[in-house]
Amino acid sequence: GSLTTFSTFSYETVALMSEGRTMAALTNIGANVVPSILCVIAGLAVVEILS
């Protein structure tokens, strides 16, 4: 599940960085981490509304 997904995300980011593709690596980080944080915030808001 999530462990292999996170491992793949980490590997791909490091691979991009080692290829000198820093902007692609940063984009990969942003495209994965930012939506995750936004979903957590949205989930917490829903819990607050429903409780």
N, C-alpha and C. Protein backbone atom coordinates (compact mmCIF):
# COMPACT_ATOMS: atom_id res chain seq x y z
N GLY A 1 0.77 -1.17 0.00
CA GLY A 1 0.00 0.00 0.00
C GLY A 1 0.83 1.27 0.00
N SER A 2 0.63 2.03 1.03
CA SER A 2 1.22 3.37 1.06
C SER A 2 2.73 3.36 1.18
N LEU A 3 3.30 2.35 1.82
CA LEU A 3 4.77 2.31 1.96
C LEU A 3 5.44 2.18 0.60
N THR A 4 4.94 1.31 -0.26
CA THR A 4 5.54 1.17 -1.58
C THR A 4 5.28 2.40 -2.44
N THR A 5 4.12 3.02 -2.27
CA THR A 5 3.82 4.24 -3.01
C THR A 5 4.78 5.35 -2.60
N PHE A 6 5.00 5.50 -1.29
CA PHE A 6 5.92 6.53 -0.80
C PHE A 6 7.34 6.22 -1.23
N SER A 7 7.71 4.95 -1.23
CA SER A 7 9.05 4.56 -1.68
C SER A 7 9.25 4.92 -3.15
N THR A 8 8.25 4.67 -3.96
CA THR A 8 8.33 5.00 -5.39
C THR A 8 8.43 6.50 -5.58
N PHE A 9 7.61 7.25 -4.86
CA PHE A 9 7.66 8.72 -4.93
C PHE A 9 9.05 9.21 -4.55
N SER A 10 9.60 8.69 -3.47
CA SER A 10 10.93 9.10 -3.01
C SER A 10 12.00 8.73 -4.03
N TYR A 11 11.93 7.52 -4.55
CA TYR A 11 12.91 7.07 -5.54
C TYR A 11 12.87 7.94 -6.79
N GLU A 12 11.66 8.20 -7.28
CA GLU A 12 11.53 9.00 -8.50
C GLU A 12 12.07 10.42 -8.28
N THR A 13 11.82 10.98 -7.11
CA THR A 13 12.32 12.32 -6.81
C THR A 13 13.84 12.34 -6.76
N VAL A 14 14.44 11.37 -6.09
CA VAL A 14 15.90 11.29 -6.02
C VAL A 14 16.49 11.04 -7.40
N ALA A 15 15.85 10.19 -8.19
CA ALA A 15 16.34 9.92 -9.55
C ALA A 15 16.33 11.19 -10.39
N LEU A 16 15.27 11.98 -10.29
CA LEU A 16 15.21 13.24 -11.03
C LEU A 16 16.32 14.18 -10.58
N MET A 17 16.54 14.25 -9.28
CA MET A 17 17.59 15.13 -8.77
C MET A 17 18.97 14.67 -9.22
N SER A 18 19.20 13.36 -9.22
CA SER A 18 20.51 12.85 -9.62
C SER A 18 20.77 13.03 -11.11
N GLU A 19 19.69 13.18 -11.88
CA GLU A 19 19.82 13.46 -13.32
C GLU A 19 19.98 14.96 -13.58
N GLY A 20 19.99 15.74 -12.51
CA GLY A 20 20.11 17.19 -12.66
C GLY A 20 18.81 17.88 -13.01
N ARG A 21 17.72 17.18 -12.87
CA ARG A 21 16.40 17.72 -13.21
C ARG A 21 15.72 18.26 -11.95
N THR A 22 16.34 19.27 -11.37
CA THR A 22 15.89 19.81 -10.09
C THR A 22 14.46 20.34 -10.15
N MET A 23 14.13 21.08 -11.19
CA MET A 23 12.77 21.63 -11.29
C MET A 23 11.73 20.51 -11.42
N ALA A 24 12.07 19.46 -12.15
CA ALA A 24 11.15 18.32 -12.27
C ALA A 24 10.98 17.64 -10.91
N ALA A 25 12.07 17.53 -10.15
CA ALA A 25 12.00 16.93 -8.82
C ALA A 25 11.13 17.78 -7.90
N LEU A 26 11.33 19.10 -7.93
CA LEU A 26 10.52 19.99 -7.09
C LEU A 26 9.06 19.96 -7.51
N THR A 27 8.82 19.87 -8.80
CA THR A 27 7.44 19.77 -9.30
C THR A 27 6.81 18.47 -8.82
N ASN A 28 7.58 17.39 -8.86
CA ASN A 28 7.10 16.10 -8.38
C ASN A 28 6.73 16.18 -6.90
N ILE A 29 7.57 16.82 -6.12
CA ILE A 29 7.29 16.97 -4.69
C ILE A 29 6.01 17.79 -4.50
N GLY A 30 5.94 18.92 -5.17
CA GLY A 30 4.77 19.78 -5.04
C GLY A 30 3.49 19.12 -5.49
N ALA A 31 3.57 18.38 -6.59
CA ALA A 31 2.38 17.73 -7.15
C ALA A 31 1.89 16.58 -6.27
N ASN A 32 2.74 16.07 -5.40
CA ASN A 32 2.33 14.97 -4.52
C ASN A 32 2.02 15.44 -3.11
N VAL A 33 2.83 16.33 -2.57
CA VAL A 33 2.68 16.72 -1.17
C VAL A 33 1.57 17.76 -0.98
N VAL A 34 1.54 18.78 -1.82
CA VAL A 34 0.55 19.85 -1.65
C VAL A 34 -0.88 19.32 -1.71
N PRO A 35 -1.26 18.53 -2.72
CA PRO A 35 -2.63 18.01 -2.72
C PRO A 35 -2.94 17.13 -1.50
N SER A 36 -1.95 16.39 -1.03
CA SER A 36 -2.16 15.55 0.16
C SER A 36 -2.49 16.41 1.37
N ILE A 37 -1.74 17.49 1.56
CA ILE A 37 -1.99 18.38 2.69
C ILE A 37 -3.36 19.04 2.55
N LEU A 38 -3.70 19.47 1.33
CA LEU A 38 -5.00 20.09 1.11
C LEU A 38 -6.14 19.11 1.41
N CYS A 39 -5.96 17.85 1.06
CA CYS A 39 -6.99 16.84 1.35
C CYS A 39 -7.14 16.62 2.85
N VAL A 40 -6.04 16.64 3.58
CA VAL A 40 -6.12 16.51 5.04
C VAL A 40 -6.88 17.70 5.63
N ILE A 41 -6.56 18.90 5.17
CA ILE A 41 -7.26 20.09 5.65
C ILE A 41 -8.75 20.00 5.34
N ALA A 42 -9.09 19.57 4.14
CA ALA A 42 -10.49 19.41 3.76
C ALA A 42 -11.18 18.35 4.62
N GLY A 43 -10.49 17.25 4.86
CA GLY A 43 -11.06 16.20 5.70
C GLY A 43 -11.31 16.67 7.12
N LEU A 44 -10.37 17.43 7.67
CA LEU A 44 -10.56 17.97 9.02
C LEU A 44 -11.73 18.95 9.06
N ALA A 45 -11.89 19.73 8.00
CA ALA A 45 -13.02 20.66 7.93
C ALA A 45 -14.34 19.91 7.90
N VAL A 46 -14.40 18.83 7.13
CA VAL A 46 -15.62 18.03 7.06
C VAL A 46 -15.93 17.42 8.43
N VAL A 47 -14.92 16.91 9.10
CA VAL A 47 -15.13 16.33 10.44
C VAL A 47 -15.66 17.40 11.39
N GLU A 48 -15.10 18.59 11.32
CA GLU A 48 -15.56 19.69 12.18
C GLU A 48 -17.02 20.04 11.89
N ILE A 49 -17.38 20.07 10.63
CA ILE A 49 -18.76 20.39 10.25
C ILE A 49 -19.73 19.31 10.73
N LEU A 50 -19.33 18.05 10.59
CA LEU A 50 -20.22 16.94 10.93
C LEU A 50 -20.28 16.63 12.43
N SER A 51 -19.34 17.17 13.18
CA SER A 51 -19.33 16.83 14.61
C SER A 51 -20.10 17.82 15.45
